[in-house]
Amino acid sequence: MDGMESRSKTVVVTGFGPFGEHEVNSSWVAVQELEKLGLGDDINLKVFEVPVEYQAVQMLIPELLETHKPQVIVHVGVSGMASTVTIEKCGHNAGYIRMDNCNFCPGMYCCVEEGPEYLHSIIDIDAVCKGASSACPEVQFTVSTDAGRYLCDFIYYTSLHQSRGKSMFIHVPPLGKPYTAAQLGQALQAILTVILDLLEYSEDH
């Protein structure tokens, strides 16, 4: 039974599929690298590739939360402007005017009608950035408050809303600009390790 109990913590991590100029989306590559590394024997890591589609996100997030009941759900996306691994502090509800891979955008240009303007993670993002920087010094980590009003921001807000804040979003640069797939996987592992330590500490105190 002890072995069963030690496997009880589940973490869900998503990356996005191809879109626009990102024929290979480094976010999904990084998540696959994380899957190879794992998060230790006592964490059940589940990874999913998400299409760059608003409606797919709206259907998938509640399904993932209901099916897996994760301790935390972490989303990863690519930013062509990023040169660091960027941890996002909040998701925004409105401003989604950019068409997705299906040439669709939300009718009210928002995630949740009459929802709050933005939602924050319950996780201490600054502490995560500091801890990950110490654990993985070859990668530069930064914090941001603007996830970009496209699918990255959309999935983050949707996830924060559905999970009551037990969610986080990470932007990674395109592959080779400057980090390898392996380095991005190590960066995600460092971030997840810090998140799990913080959540465990908060549960114990």
N, C-alpha and C. Protein backbone atom coordinates (compact mmCIF):
# COMPACT_ATOMS: atom_id res chain seq x y z
N MET A 1 0.82 -1.21 0.00
CA MET A 1 0.00 0.00 0.00
C MET A 1 0.85 1.25 0.00
N ASP A 2 1.99 1.20 0.71
CA ASP A 2 2.88 2.36 0.75
C ASP A 2 3.31 2.77 -0.64
N GLY A 3 3.63 1.76 -1.46
CA GLY A 3 4.04 2.06 -2.84
C GLY A 3 2.94 2.74 -3.60
N MET A 4 1.68 2.30 -3.37
CA MET A 4 0.54 2.92 -4.04
C MET A 4 0.40 4.37 -3.60
N GLU A 5 0.54 4.61 -2.29
CA GLU A 5 0.38 5.95 -1.76
C GLU A 5 1.47 6.88 -2.28
N SER A 6 2.68 6.36 -2.38
CA SER A 6 3.79 7.20 -2.83
C SER A 6 3.63 7.62 -4.30
N ARG A 7 2.79 6.90 -5.05
CA ARG A 7 2.55 7.25 -6.45
C ARG A 7 1.32 8.14 -6.61
N SER A 8 0.78 8.62 -5.49
CA SER A 8 -0.53 9.25 -5.55
C SER A 8 -0.49 10.68 -6.11
N LYS A 9 0.66 11.32 -6.09
CA LYS A 9 0.71 12.70 -6.57
C LYS A 9 0.87 12.73 -8.09
N THR A 10 -0.06 13.42 -8.72
CA THR A 10 -0.04 13.52 -10.18
C THR A 10 0.21 14.96 -10.59
N VAL A 11 1.05 15.13 -11.59
CA VAL A 11 1.32 16.44 -12.19
C VAL A 11 1.01 16.34 -13.68
N VAL A 12 0.24 17.28 -14.19
CA VAL A 12 -0.07 17.34 -15.61
C VAL A 12 0.72 18.49 -16.25
N VAL A 13 1.41 18.20 -17.35
CA VAL A 13 2.17 19.23 -18.07
C VAL A 13 1.76 19.17 -19.54
N THR A 14 1.44 20.34 -20.10
CA THR A 14 1.06 20.39 -21.52
C THR A 14 2.05 21.24 -22.32
N GLY A 15 2.18 20.89 -23.60
CA GLY A 15 2.90 21.73 -24.56
C GLY A 15 2.00 21.91 -25.78
N PHE A 16 2.30 22.89 -26.59
CA PHE A 16 1.47 23.16 -27.77
C PHE A 16 2.04 22.51 -29.03
N GLY A 17 1.14 22.22 -29.95
CA GLY A 17 1.52 21.71 -31.26
C GLY A 17 1.96 22.83 -32.19
N PRO A 18 2.23 22.49 -33.46
CA PRO A 18 2.73 23.48 -34.42
C PRO A 18 1.71 24.59 -34.71
N PHE A 19 2.23 25.77 -35.04
CA PHE A 19 1.40 26.87 -35.54
C PHE A 19 2.31 27.90 -36.20
N GLY A 20 1.76 28.65 -37.16
CA GLY A 20 2.51 29.73 -37.80
C GLY A 20 3.88 29.29 -38.25
N GLU A 21 4.89 30.09 -37.86
CA GLU A 21 6.26 29.75 -38.28
C GLU A 21 6.86 28.64 -37.42
N HIS A 22 6.17 28.24 -36.36
CA HIS A 22 6.70 27.23 -35.44
C HIS A 22 6.26 25.84 -35.88
N GLU A 23 6.90 25.35 -36.96
CA GLU A 23 6.55 24.03 -37.49
C GLU A 23 6.93 22.93 -36.49
N VAL A 24 7.99 23.18 -35.74
CA VAL A 24 8.32 22.33 -34.59
C VAL A 24 8.18 23.24 -33.37
N ASN A 25 7.20 22.93 -32.53
CA ASN A 25 6.96 23.80 -31.38
C ASN A 25 7.86 23.36 -30.22
N SER A 26 8.77 24.26 -29.85
CA SER A 26 9.75 23.92 -28.82
C SER A 26 9.09 23.61 -27.47
N SER A 27 7.87 24.11 -27.26
CA SER A 27 7.22 23.83 -25.98
C SER A 27 6.91 22.34 -25.85
N TRP A 28 6.42 21.72 -26.91
CA TRP A 28 6.11 20.29 -26.85
C TRP A 28 7.40 19.46 -26.81
N VAL A 29 8.42 19.91 -27.54
CA VAL A 29 9.72 19.23 -27.49
C VAL A 29 10.27 19.26 -26.06
N ALA A 30 10.16 20.42 -25.40
CA ALA A 30 10.66 20.56 -24.03
C ALA A 30 9.88 19.66 -23.07
N VAL A 31 8.57 19.58 -23.27
CA VAL A 31 7.74 18.72 -22.40
C VAL A 31 8.10 17.25 -22.59
N GLN A 32 8.38 16.85 -23.83
CA GLN A 32 8.80 15.47 -24.09
C GLN A 32 10.15 15.18 -23.43
N GLU A 33 11.04 16.17 -23.43
CA GLU A 33 12.33 16.01 -22.74
C GLU A 33 12.11 15.87 -21.23
N LEU A 34 11.18 16.66 -20.69
CA LEU A 34 10.84 16.56 -19.27
C LEU A 34 10.33 15.16 -18.95
N GLU A 35 9.49 14.63 -19.84
CA GLU A 35 8.93 13.29 -19.62
C GLU A 35 10.04 12.25 -19.51
N LYS A 36 11.08 12.39 -20.34
CA LYS A 36 12.22 11.46 -20.27
C LYS A 36 12.93 11.55 -18.92
N LEU A 37 13.08 12.78 -18.43
CA LEU A 37 13.79 13.00 -17.16
C LEU A 37 12.95 12.58 -15.96
N GLY A 38 11.64 12.81 -16.05
CA GLY A 38 10.74 12.49 -14.95
C GLY A 38 10.87 13.45 -13.78
N LEU A 39 10.06 13.19 -12.76
CA LEU A 39 10.06 14.05 -11.57
C LEU A 39 10.25 13.22 -10.30
N GLY A 40 10.87 12.07 -10.45
CA GLY A 40 11.09 11.19 -9.30
C GLY A 40 10.01 10.12 -9.23
N ASP A 41 10.30 9.08 -8.45
CA ASP A 41 9.43 7.91 -8.39
C ASP A 41 8.07 8.19 -7.77
N ASP A 42 7.98 9.23 -6.92
CA ASP A 42 6.71 9.45 -6.21
C ASP A 42 5.77 10.41 -6.95
N ILE A 43 6.17 10.86 -8.15
CA ILE A 43 5.32 11.76 -8.93
C ILE A 43 4.89 11.09 -10.22
N ASN A 44 3.61 11.06 -10.43
CA ASN A 44 3.02 10.49 -11.64
C ASN A 44 2.87 11.63 -12.66
N LEU A 45 3.81 11.71 -13.60
CA LEU A 45 3.83 12.81 -14.58
C LEU A 45 3.03 12.42 -15.82
N LYS A 46 2.06 13.28 -16.16
CA LYS A 46 1.25 13.07 -17.36
C LYS A 46 1.48 14.24 -18.31
N VAL A 47 1.83 13.95 -19.57
CA VAL A 47 2.09 15.03 -20.52
C VAL A 47 1.11 14.95 -21.69
N PHE A 48 0.74 16.12 -22.21
CA PHE A 48 -0.24 16.19 -23.30
C PHE A 48 0.15 17.29 -24.28
N GLU A 49 -0.01 16.98 -25.57
CA GLU A 49 0.18 17.99 -26.61
C GLU A 49 -1.19 18.62 -26.92
N VAL A 50 -1.24 19.95 -26.90
CA VAL A 50 -2.49 20.67 -27.09
C VAL A 50 -2.48 21.36 -28.46
N PRO A 51 -3.54 21.20 -29.26
CA PRO A 51 -3.60 21.93 -30.52
C PRO A 51 -3.75 23.44 -30.25
N VAL A 52 -3.25 24.25 -31.17
CA VAL A 52 -3.35 25.71 -31.03
C VAL A 52 -4.75 26.13 -31.49
N GLU A 53 -5.73 25.78 -30.64
CA GLU A 53 -7.14 26.02 -30.93
C GLU A 53 -7.87 26.37 -29.63
N TYR A 54 -8.59 27.48 -29.65
CA TYR A 54 -9.31 27.93 -28.45
C TYR A 54 -10.31 26.88 -27.95
N GLN A 55 -11.10 26.32 -28.86
CA GLN A 55 -12.14 25.37 -28.43
C GLN A 55 -11.55 24.07 -27.88
N ALA A 56 -10.41 23.65 -28.44
CA ALA A 56 -9.73 22.47 -27.91
C ALA A 56 -9.29 22.70 -26.47
N VAL A 57 -8.78 23.90 -26.20
CA VAL A 57 -8.36 24.24 -24.83
C VAL A 57 -9.55 24.22 -23.88
N GLN A 58 -10.66 24.80 -24.32
CA GLN A 58 -11.85 24.87 -23.46
C GLN A 58 -12.39 23.49 -23.11
N MET A 59 -12.25 22.55 -24.02
CA MET A 59 -12.70 21.18 -23.76
C MET A 59 -11.69 20.39 -22.93
N LEU A 60 -10.40 20.60 -23.24
CA LEU A 60 -9.35 19.76 -22.66
C LEU A 60 -9.08 20.03 -21.18
N ILE A 61 -9.04 21.31 -20.79
CA ILE A 61 -8.64 21.64 -19.41
C ILE A 61 -9.55 21.00 -18.37
N PRO A 62 -10.89 21.16 -18.47
CA PRO A 62 -11.74 20.49 -17.47
C PRO A 62 -11.58 18.97 -17.48
N GLU A 63 -11.37 18.42 -18.68
CA GLU A 63 -11.19 16.97 -18.80
C GLU A 63 -9.93 16.50 -18.07
N LEU A 64 -8.82 17.23 -18.26
CA LEU A 64 -7.56 16.86 -17.61
C LEU A 64 -7.68 16.96 -16.09
N LEU A 65 -8.33 18.03 -15.62
CA LEU A 65 -8.47 18.22 -14.17
C LEU A 65 -9.37 17.15 -13.56
N GLU A 66 -10.44 16.81 -14.25
CA GLU A 66 -11.38 15.82 -13.74
C GLU A 66 -10.78 14.41 -13.75
N THR A 67 -10.10 14.09 -14.86
CA THR A 67 -9.57 12.73 -15.03
C THR A 67 -8.38 12.45 -14.12
N HIS A 68 -7.46 13.42 -14.03
CA HIS A 68 -6.19 13.16 -13.34
C HIS A 68 -6.10 13.77 -11.95
N LYS A 69 -6.97 14.74 -11.64
CA LYS A 69 -6.96 15.42 -10.34
C LYS A 69 -5.52 15.78 -9.92
N PRO A 70 -4.82 16.53 -10.77
CA PRO A 70 -3.40 16.80 -10.50
C PRO A 70 -3.20 17.73 -9.32
N GLN A 71 -2.05 17.56 -8.69
CA GLN A 71 -1.67 18.49 -7.63
C GLN A 71 -1.43 19.88 -8.22
N VAL A 72 -0.91 19.89 -9.44
CA VAL A 72 -0.70 21.14 -10.18
C VAL A 72 -0.75 20.82 -11.67
N ILE A 73 -1.20 21.80 -12.46
CA ILE A 73 -1.18 21.65 -13.91
C ILE A 73 -0.33 22.77 -14.49
N VAL A 74 0.65 22.41 -15.28
CA VAL A 74 1.62 23.37 -15.82
C VAL A 74 1.55 23.35 -17.34
N HIS A 75 1.45 24.53 -17.92
CA HIS A 75 1.37 24.66 -19.37
C HIS A 75 2.64 25.32 -19.90
N VAL A 76 3.08 24.85 -21.05
CA VAL A 76 4.31 25.38 -21.67
C VAL A 76 3.97 25.81 -23.08
N GLY A 77 4.48 26.98 -23.47
CA GLY A 77 4.27 27.48 -24.82
C GLY A 77 5.54 28.12 -25.34
N VAL A 78 5.60 28.32 -26.65
CA VAL A 78 6.78 28.95 -27.25
C VAL A 78 6.51 30.44 -27.45
N SER A 79 7.55 31.23 -27.27
CA SER A 79 7.50 32.65 -27.62
C SER A 79 8.69 32.96 -28.52
N GLY A 80 8.39 33.41 -29.74
CA GLY A 80 9.45 33.76 -30.67
C GLY A 80 10.28 34.94 -30.20
N MET A 81 9.74 35.73 -29.26
CA MET A 81 10.45 36.90 -28.74
C MET A 81 11.30 36.58 -27.52
N ALA A 82 11.09 35.40 -26.94
CA ALA A 82 11.78 35.07 -25.69
C ALA A 82 13.20 34.56 -25.96
N SER A 83 14.12 34.93 -25.08
CA SER A 83 15.47 34.35 -25.10
C SER A 83 15.77 33.71 -23.74
N THR A 84 14.80 33.78 -22.84
CA THR A 84 14.92 33.16 -21.52
C THR A 84 13.74 32.20 -21.34
N VAL A 85 13.82 31.38 -20.30
CA VAL A 85 12.65 30.58 -19.89
C VAL A 85 11.85 31.50 -18.98
N THR A 86 10.64 31.86 -19.43
CA THR A 86 9.86 32.92 -18.80
C THR A 86 8.66 32.34 -18.07
N ILE A 87 8.58 32.61 -16.77
CA ILE A 87 7.49 32.10 -15.95
C ILE A 87 6.45 33.20 -15.82
N GLU A 88 5.22 32.89 -16.21
CA GLU A 88 4.15 33.91 -16.24
C GLU A 88 3.42 33.97 -14.90
N LYS A 89 3.17 35.20 -14.44
CA LYS A 89 2.50 35.40 -13.15
C LYS A 89 0.99 35.32 -13.25
N CYS A 90 0.41 35.73 -14.39
CA CYS A 90 -1.04 35.80 -14.44
C CYS A 90 -1.56 35.55 -15.85
N GLY A 91 -2.84 35.17 -15.92
CA GLY A 91 -3.53 34.99 -17.18
C GLY A 91 -4.58 36.07 -17.33
N HIS A 92 -4.82 36.51 -18.56
CA HIS A 92 -5.78 37.59 -18.84
C HIS A 92 -7.05 37.04 -19.48
N ASN A 93 -8.17 37.65 -19.14
CA ASN A 93 -9.46 37.14 -19.60
C ASN A 93 -9.82 37.61 -21.00
N ALA A 94 -9.45 38.84 -21.35
CA ALA A 94 -9.97 39.45 -22.58
C ALA A 94 -8.85 39.82 -23.55
N GLY A 95 -9.27 40.08 -24.79
CA GLY A 95 -8.33 40.57 -25.81
C GLY A 95 -7.92 39.52 -26.81
N TYR A 96 -8.70 38.44 -26.92
CA TYR A 96 -8.32 37.32 -27.80
C TYR A 96 -8.92 37.53 -29.19
N ILE A 97 -8.24 38.37 -29.97
CA ILE A 97 -8.75 38.72 -31.31
C ILE A 97 -7.97 38.01 -32.42
N ARG A 98 -6.90 37.32 -32.04
CA ARG A 98 -6.07 36.63 -33.03
C ARG A 98 -6.64 35.25 -33.33
N MET A 99 -6.77 34.93 -34.62
CA MET A 99 -7.34 33.65 -35.04
C MET A 99 -6.41 32.48 -34.70
N ASP A 100 -7.01 31.34 -34.35
CA ASP A 100 -6.22 30.15 -34.06
C ASP A 100 -6.00 29.32 -35.32
N ASN A 101 -5.51 28.09 -35.15
CA ASN A 101 -5.23 27.23 -36.31
C ASN A 101 -6.48 26.87 -37.11
N CYS A 102 -7.65 27.06 -36.49
CA CYS A 102 -8.92 26.77 -37.19
C CYS A 102 -9.58 28.04 -37.71
N ASN A 103 -8.83 29.15 -37.73
CA ASN A 103 -9.39 30.45 -38.11
C ASN A 103 -10.59 30.83 -37.24
N PHE A 104 -10.45 30.54 -35.94
CA PHE A 104 -11.52 30.81 -34.98
C PHE A 104 -10.96 31.69 -33.87
N CYS A 105 -11.79 32.61 -33.36
CA CYS A 105 -11.46 33.27 -32.10
C CYS A 105 -12.74 33.37 -31.27
N PRO A 106 -12.61 33.45 -29.94
CA PRO A 106 -13.80 33.40 -29.08
C PRO A 106 -14.77 34.54 -29.40
N GLY A 107 -16.06 34.23 -29.34
CA GLY A 107 -17.10 35.19 -29.72
C GLY A 107 -17.02 36.51 -28.98
N MET A 108 -16.77 36.47 -27.68
CA MET A 108 -16.66 37.70 -26.88
C MET A 108 -15.19 38.11 -26.70
N TYR A 109 -14.30 37.44 -27.45
CA TYR A 109 -12.85 37.71 -27.34
C TYR A 109 -12.33 37.51 -25.92
N CYS A 110 -13.00 36.61 -25.17
CA CYS A 110 -12.54 36.40 -23.79
C CYS A 110 -12.60 34.92 -23.44
N CYS A 111 -11.99 34.57 -22.30
CA CYS A 111 -11.98 33.18 -21.83
C CYS A 111 -13.29 32.84 -21.11
N VAL A 112 -13.64 33.69 -20.16
CA VAL A 112 -14.81 33.43 -19.31
C VAL A 112 -15.66 34.71 -19.29
N GLU A 113 -16.85 34.64 -19.82
CA GLU A 113 -17.71 35.84 -19.84
C GLU A 113 -17.95 36.33 -18.42
N GLU A 114 -17.70 37.64 -18.24
CA GLU A 114 -17.86 38.31 -16.95
C GLU A 114 -16.90 37.78 -15.88
N GLY A 115 -15.85 37.08 -16.32
CA GLY A 115 -14.82 36.64 -15.38
C GLY A 115 -13.92 37.81 -14.98
N PRO A 116 -13.11 37.64 -13.92
CA PRO A 116 -12.17 38.69 -13.53
C PRO A 116 -11.22 39.05 -14.69
N GLU A 117 -10.73 40.27 -14.68
CA GLU A 117 -9.85 40.75 -15.77
C GLU A 117 -8.61 39.88 -15.88
N TYR A 118 -8.06 39.48 -14.74
CA TYR A 118 -6.91 38.57 -14.75
C TYR A 118 -6.96 37.69 -13.50
N LEU A 119 -6.26 36.56 -13.58
CA LEU A 119 -6.15 35.63 -12.46
C LEU A 119 -4.68 35.33 -12.21
N HIS A 120 -4.32 35.17 -10.94
CA HIS A 120 -2.94 34.84 -10.56
C HIS A 120 -2.85 33.40 -10.08
N SER A 121 -1.69 32.82 -10.28
CA SER A 121 -1.40 31.51 -9.73
C SER A 121 -1.27 31.61 -8.21
N ILE A 122 -1.68 30.53 -7.50
CA ILE A 122 -1.46 30.51 -6.04
C ILE A 122 -0.01 30.19 -5.72
N ILE A 123 0.75 29.79 -6.74
CA ILE A 123 2.16 29.44 -6.55
C ILE A 123 3.00 30.72 -6.55
N ASP A 124 3.98 30.79 -5.69
CA ASP A 124 4.86 31.96 -5.59
C ASP A 124 5.84 31.95 -6.78
N ILE A 125 5.49 32.71 -7.81
CA ILE A 125 6.26 32.68 -9.06
C ILE A 125 7.69 33.17 -8.86
N ASP A 126 7.86 34.21 -8.05
CA ASP A 126 9.22 34.74 -7.81
C ASP A 126 10.09 33.69 -7.13
N ALA A 127 9.51 32.96 -6.20
CA ALA A 127 10.26 31.89 -5.51
C ALA A 127 10.62 30.77 -6.48
N VAL A 128 9.70 30.46 -7.38
CA VAL A 128 9.97 29.42 -8.39
C VAL A 128 11.13 29.86 -9.29
N CYS A 129 11.10 31.10 -9.72
CA CYS A 129 12.17 31.62 -10.60
C CYS A 129 13.52 31.56 -9.90
N LYS A 130 13.54 31.97 -8.64
CA LYS A 130 14.79 31.97 -7.87
C LYS A 130 15.31 30.55 -7.66
N GLY A 131 14.40 29.64 -7.29
CA GLY A 131 14.80 28.26 -7.04
C GLY A 131 15.27 27.55 -8.29
N ALA A 132 14.57 27.78 -9.41
CA ALA A 132 14.96 27.14 -10.68
C ALA A 132 16.30 27.67 -11.16
N SER A 133 16.53 28.97 -10.96
CA SER A 133 17.81 29.59 -11.37
C SER A 133 18.98 28.96 -10.63
N SER A 134 18.77 28.66 -9.35
CA SER A 134 19.82 28.01 -8.54
C SER A 134 20.05 26.58 -8.98
N ALA A 135 18.96 25.88 -9.29
CA ALA A 135 19.05 24.46 -9.63
C ALA A 135 19.57 24.21 -11.04
N CYS A 136 19.35 25.18 -11.93
CA CYS A 136 19.69 25.00 -13.34
C CYS A 136 20.38 26.27 -13.86
N PRO A 137 21.62 26.52 -13.39
CA PRO A 137 22.28 27.80 -13.66
C PRO A 137 22.65 28.05 -15.12
N GLU A 138 22.66 26.99 -15.94
CA GLU A 138 23.03 27.21 -17.35
C GLU A 138 21.89 27.81 -18.17
N VAL A 139 20.71 27.90 -17.57
CA VAL A 139 19.54 28.48 -18.23
C VAL A 139 19.14 29.75 -17.48
N GLN A 140 18.77 30.80 -18.23
CA GLN A 140 18.30 32.02 -17.59
C GLN A 140 16.78 31.99 -17.46
N PHE A 141 16.29 32.26 -16.24
CA PHE A 141 14.85 32.29 -15.95
C PHE A 141 14.42 33.72 -15.65
N THR A 142 13.27 34.12 -16.16
CA THR A 142 12.71 35.44 -15.85
C THR A 142 11.23 35.29 -15.54
N VAL A 143 10.65 36.38 -15.01
CA VAL A 143 9.23 36.41 -14.65
C VAL A 143 8.54 37.46 -15.53
N SER A 144 7.30 37.16 -15.93
CA SER A 144 6.54 38.07 -16.79
C SER A 144 5.11 38.18 -16.28
N THR A 145 4.44 39.30 -16.63
CA THR A 145 3.03 39.47 -16.28
C THR A 145 2.16 39.59 -17.53
N ASP A 146 2.73 39.26 -18.68
CA ASP A 146 1.95 39.34 -19.93
C ASP A 146 2.22 38.12 -20.79
N ALA A 147 1.27 37.19 -20.78
CA ALA A 147 1.46 35.94 -21.54
C ALA A 147 1.05 36.06 -23.00
N GLY A 148 0.62 37.25 -23.45
CA GLY A 148 0.55 37.50 -24.89
C GLY A 148 -0.80 37.51 -25.57
N ARG A 149 -1.89 37.30 -24.87
CA ARG A 149 -3.25 37.36 -25.46
C ARG A 149 -3.43 36.45 -26.68
N TYR A 150 -2.81 35.28 -26.63
CA TYR A 150 -3.09 34.29 -27.67
C TYR A 150 -3.33 32.97 -26.93
N LEU A 151 -3.07 31.84 -27.54
CA LEU A 151 -3.41 30.57 -26.91
C LEU A 151 -2.68 30.35 -25.59
N CYS A 152 -1.48 30.88 -25.46
CA CYS A 152 -0.72 30.71 -24.21
C CYS A 152 -1.45 31.39 -23.05
N ASP A 153 -1.82 32.64 -23.24
CA ASP A 153 -2.56 33.38 -22.22
C ASP A 153 -3.93 32.75 -22.00
N PHE A 154 -4.56 32.32 -23.09
CA PHE A 154 -5.90 31.73 -23.03
C PHE A 154 -5.92 30.44 -22.21
N ILE A 155 -4.95 29.57 -22.45
CA ILE A 155 -4.91 28.31 -21.69
C ILE A 155 -4.58 28.58 -20.23
N TYR A 156 -3.75 29.60 -19.98
CA TYR A 156 -3.36 29.91 -18.61
C TYR A 156 -4.57 30.41 -17.82
N TYR A 157 -5.29 31.38 -18.36
CA TYR A 157 -6.46 31.90 -17.66
C TYR A 157 -7.50 30.80 -17.46
N THR A 158 -7.77 30.05 -18.52
CA THR A 158 -8.76 28.97 -18.44
C THR A 158 -8.37 27.98 -17.35
N SER A 159 -7.10 27.64 -17.30
CA SER A 159 -6.59 26.67 -16.34
C SER A 159 -6.63 27.24 -14.92
N LEU A 160 -6.23 28.50 -14.75
CA LEU A 160 -6.29 29.14 -13.43
C LEU A 160 -7.73 29.17 -12.92
N HIS A 161 -8.64 29.48 -13.81
CA HIS A 161 -10.07 29.57 -13.45
C HIS A 161 -10.60 28.20 -13.02
N GLN A 162 -10.24 27.16 -13.78
CA GLN A 162 -10.78 25.81 -13.52
C GLN A 162 -10.09 25.14 -12.33
N SER A 163 -8.81 25.44 -12.13
CA SER A 163 -8.04 24.74 -11.08
C SER A 163 -7.97 25.54 -9.79
N ARG A 164 -8.65 26.67 -9.75
CA ARG A 164 -8.61 27.59 -8.58
C ARG A 164 -7.17 28.01 -8.27
N GLY A 165 -6.44 28.33 -9.31
CA GLY A 165 -5.11 28.90 -9.13
C GLY A 165 -3.97 27.91 -9.06
N LYS A 166 -4.28 26.60 -9.07
CA LYS A 166 -3.20 25.59 -8.98
C LYS A 166 -2.64 25.30 -10.37
N SER A 167 -2.15 26.35 -10.99
CA SER A 167 -1.71 26.25 -12.38
C SER A 167 -0.54 27.20 -12.59
N MET A 168 0.23 26.91 -13.62
CA MET A 168 1.35 27.80 -13.97
C MET A 168 1.59 27.74 -15.47
N PHE A 169 2.11 28.83 -16.01
CA PHE A 169 2.46 28.85 -17.44
C PHE A 169 3.92 29.26 -17.61
N ILE A 170 4.59 28.56 -18.53
CA ILE A 170 6.01 28.81 -18.81
C ILE A 170 6.19 29.04 -20.31
N HIS A 171 6.82 30.15 -20.68
CA HIS A 171 7.20 30.38 -22.07
C HIS A 171 8.65 29.93 -22.29
N VAL A 172 8.88 29.19 -23.36
CA VAL A 172 10.25 28.81 -23.72
C VAL A 172 10.59 29.43 -25.07
N PRO A 173 11.88 29.71 -25.32
CA PRO A 173 12.29 30.22 -26.62
C PRO A 173 12.23 29.12 -27.68
N PRO A 174 12.29 29.49 -28.95
CA PRO A 174 12.43 28.46 -30.00
C PRO A 174 13.72 27.67 -29.80
N LEU A 175 13.76 26.45 -30.30
CA LEU A 175 14.95 25.60 -30.15
C LEU A 175 16.20 26.27 -30.72
N GLY A 176 17.27 26.18 -29.96
CA GLY A 176 18.54 26.74 -30.41
C GLY A 176 18.66 28.24 -30.25
N LYS A 177 17.67 28.88 -29.65
CA LYS A 177 17.69 30.35 -29.52
C LYS A 177 17.50 30.78 -28.06
N PRO A 178 18.42 30.46 -27.17
CA PRO A 178 19.71 29.81 -27.38
C PRO A 178 19.77 28.35 -26.90
N TYR A 179 18.70 27.79 -26.35
CA TYR A 179 18.83 26.53 -25.62
C TYR A 179 18.49 25.30 -26.45
N THR A 180 19.16 24.20 -26.10
CA THR A 180 18.87 22.91 -26.75
C THR A 180 17.59 22.32 -26.14
N ALA A 181 17.05 21.30 -26.80
CA ALA A 181 15.89 20.59 -26.27
C ALA A 181 16.20 20.04 -24.87
N ALA A 182 17.38 19.47 -24.70
CA ALA A 182 17.75 18.88 -23.41
C ALA A 182 17.79 19.94 -22.31
N GLN A 183 18.35 21.12 -22.63
CA GLN A 183 18.41 22.20 -21.63
C GLN A 183 17.01 22.68 -21.25
N LEU A 184 16.12 22.76 -22.24
CA LEU A 184 14.74 23.18 -21.93
C LEU A 184 14.05 22.14 -21.05
N GLY A 185 14.29 20.86 -21.32
CA GLY A 185 13.73 19.81 -20.47
C GLY A 185 14.24 19.90 -19.04
N GLN A 186 15.53 20.18 -18.89
CA GLN A 186 16.13 20.32 -17.55
C GLN A 186 15.54 21.54 -16.84
N ALA A 187 15.31 22.61 -17.61
CA ALA A 187 14.72 23.83 -17.02
C ALA A 187 13.32 23.55 -16.50
N LEU A 188 12.52 22.81 -17.28
CA LEU A 188 11.17 22.46 -16.82
C LEU A 188 11.23 21.56 -15.58
N GLN A 189 12.16 20.62 -15.59
CA GLN A 189 12.31 19.75 -14.42
C GLN A 189 12.66 20.56 -13.18
N ALA A 190 13.56 21.54 -13.34
CA ALA A 190 13.95 22.39 -12.20
C ALA A 190 12.74 23.18 -11.68
N ILE A 191 11.95 23.74 -12.60
CA ILE A 191 10.77 24.51 -12.21
C ILE A 191 9.76 23.63 -11.48
N LEU A 192 9.48 22.46 -12.04
CA LEU A 192 8.48 21.56 -11.43
C LEU A 192 8.93 21.09 -10.05
N THR A 193 10.22 20.82 -9.91
CA THR A 193 10.75 20.38 -8.61
C THR A 193 10.52 21.45 -7.55
N VAL A 194 10.79 22.71 -7.91
CA VAL A 194 10.58 23.82 -6.97
C VAL A 194 9.10 23.97 -6.64
N ILE A 195 8.24 23.90 -7.66
CA ILE A 195 6.79 24.02 -7.44
C ILE A 195 6.32 22.96 -6.44
N LEU A 196 6.72 21.73 -6.67
CA LEU A 196 6.27 20.62 -5.80
C LEU A 196 6.77 20.80 -4.37
N ASP A 197 8.01 21.29 -4.22
CA ASP A 197 8.54 21.56 -2.88
C ASP A 197 7.72 22.65 -2.19
N LEU A 198 7.37 23.71 -2.94
CA LEU A 198 6.59 24.81 -2.37
C LEU A 198 5.20 24.34 -1.96
N LEU A 199 4.56 23.54 -2.82
CA LEU A 199 3.22 23.04 -2.50
C LEU A 199 3.24 22.12 -1.29
N GLU A 200 4.29 21.29 -1.21
CA GLU A 200 4.41 20.36 -0.07
C GLU A 200 4.62 21.14 1.22
N TYR A 201 5.43 22.19 1.13
CA TYR A 201 5.70 23.03 2.31
C TYR A 201 4.41 23.71 2.78
N SER A 202 3.63 24.23 1.81
CA SER A 202 2.39 24.94 2.18
C SER A 202 1.36 23.99 2.78
N GLU A 203 1.37 22.73 2.32
CA GLU A 203 0.45 21.74 2.88
C GLU A 203 0.84 21.37 4.32
N ASP A 204 2.15 21.42 4.60
CA ASP A 204 2.64 21.00 5.92
C ASP A 204 2.57 22.13 6.96
N HIS A 205 2.35 23.37 6.49
CA HIS A 205 2.39 24.52 7.43
C HIS A 205 1.06 25.28 7.41
